[in-house]
Amino acid sequence: MRGRIAGWFEGASPSEFSRVIRVYYGPQSGHDLLERTTWHAAQHLRQLYALSERLDIKPPVPMPSEAFKGLPLPTALW
């Protein structure tokens, strides 16, 4: 999956990020859609780490909090 996404980014022209994409919550630019997808996945990752902590399960690696800098994440987990 990572290879497919990396390949898409390598071949994507700048216009891919500005074109309007229709999604279920309304039209979005390619850039806005990627940003929302990124922070949405990051939010679920935060939730999984919190859940694993509640269940006393230690994740194999620490949460990559540094990777979240600049993302418009909600303060609340749920």
Protein backbone atom coordinates (compact mmCIF):
# COMPACT_ATOMS: atom_id res chain seq x y z
CA MET A 1 0.00 0.00 0.00
CA ARG A 2 2.83 2.39 0.88
CA GLY A 3 4.40 1.71 -2.52
CA ARG A 4 1.16 2.49 -4.33
CA ILE A 5 0.69 5.75 -2.46
CA ALA A 6 4.34 6.75 -2.94
CA GLY A 7 4.03 6.01 -6.66
CA TRP A 8 0.93 8.16 -6.91
CA PHE A 9 2.69 11.09 -5.21
CA GLU A 10 5.68 10.76 -7.53
CA GLY A 11 3.48 10.93 -10.62
CA ALA A 12 0.96 13.49 -9.37
CA SER A 13 1.09 16.91 -10.98
CA PRO A 14 0.53 20.05 -8.88
CA SER A 15 -2.97 20.33 -10.37
CA GLU A 16 -3.95 17.10 -8.57
CA PHE A 17 -3.75 18.94 -5.26
CA SER A 18 -5.90 21.88 -6.34
CA ARG A 19 -8.60 20.08 -8.30
CA VAL A 20 -11.99 19.72 -6.63
CA ILE A 21 -12.97 16.25 -5.46
CA ARG A 22 -16.54 15.42 -4.52
CA VAL A 23 -16.70 13.57 -1.22
CA TYR A 24 -19.63 12.73 1.03
CA TYR A 25 -19.17 15.87 3.16
CA GLY A 26 -18.92 18.24 0.19
CA PRO A 27 -16.46 19.33 -2.50
CA GLN A 28 -12.83 19.51 -1.33
CA SER A 29 -9.54 20.41 -2.97
CA GLY A 30 -7.10 17.53 -3.30
CA HIS A 31 -4.88 19.22 -0.72
CA ASP A 32 -7.71 19.60 1.81
CA LEU A 33 -8.80 16.00 1.28
CA LEU A 34 -5.27 14.71 1.92
CA GLU A 35 -4.93 16.90 5.01
CA ARG A 36 -8.25 15.71 6.43
CA THR A 37 -7.39 12.08 5.67
CA THR A 38 -4.05 12.50 7.43
CA TRP A 39 -5.35 14.05 10.61
CA HIS A 40 -8.32 11.68 10.68
CA ALA A 41 -5.98 8.67 10.59
CA ALA A 42 -3.78 10.33 13.24
CA GLN A 43 -6.81 10.80 15.49
CA HIS A 44 -7.69 7.10 15.21
CA LEU A 45 -4.08 6.19 15.98
CA ARG A 46 -4.26 8.31 19.14
CA GLN A 47 -7.48 6.50 20.08
CA LEU A 48 -5.86 3.10 19.55
CA TYR A 49 -2.94 4.02 21.78
CA ALA A 50 -5.33 5.24 24.50
CA LEU A 51 -7.38 2.06 24.23
CA SER A 52 -4.31 -0.16 24.41
CA GLU A 53 -3.21 1.72 27.54
CA ARG A 54 -6.62 1.12 29.14
CA LEU A 55 -6.33 -2.58 28.32
CA ASP A 56 -2.79 -2.70 29.71
CA ILE A 57 -1.33 -3.58 26.31
CA LYS A 58 2.03 -2.08 25.45
CA PRO A 59 2.29 -0.96 21.80
CA PRO A 60 5.41 -2.18 19.96
CA VAL A 61 6.62 1.42 19.45
CA PRO A 62 5.84 4.73 21.18
CA MET A 63 3.17 6.91 19.65
CA PRO A 64 4.76 9.13 16.97
CA SER A 65 3.53 12.39 18.53
CA GLU A 66 6.16 14.42 16.65
CA ALA A 67 4.51 13.40 13.37
CA PHE A 68 1.29 15.09 14.51
CA LYS A 69 2.78 18.59 14.70
CA GLY A 70 0.83 21.04 12.60
CA LEU A 71 -2.20 18.78 12.16
CA PRO A 72 -5.54 20.24 13.28
CA LEU A 73 -6.28 17.40 15.70
CA PRO A 74 -9.18 17.67 18.13
CA THR A 75 -8.16 18.02 21.77
CA ALA A 76 -10.55 15.28 22.86
CA LEU A 77 -9.87 11.66 21.97
CA TRP A 78 -13.50 10.58 21.63
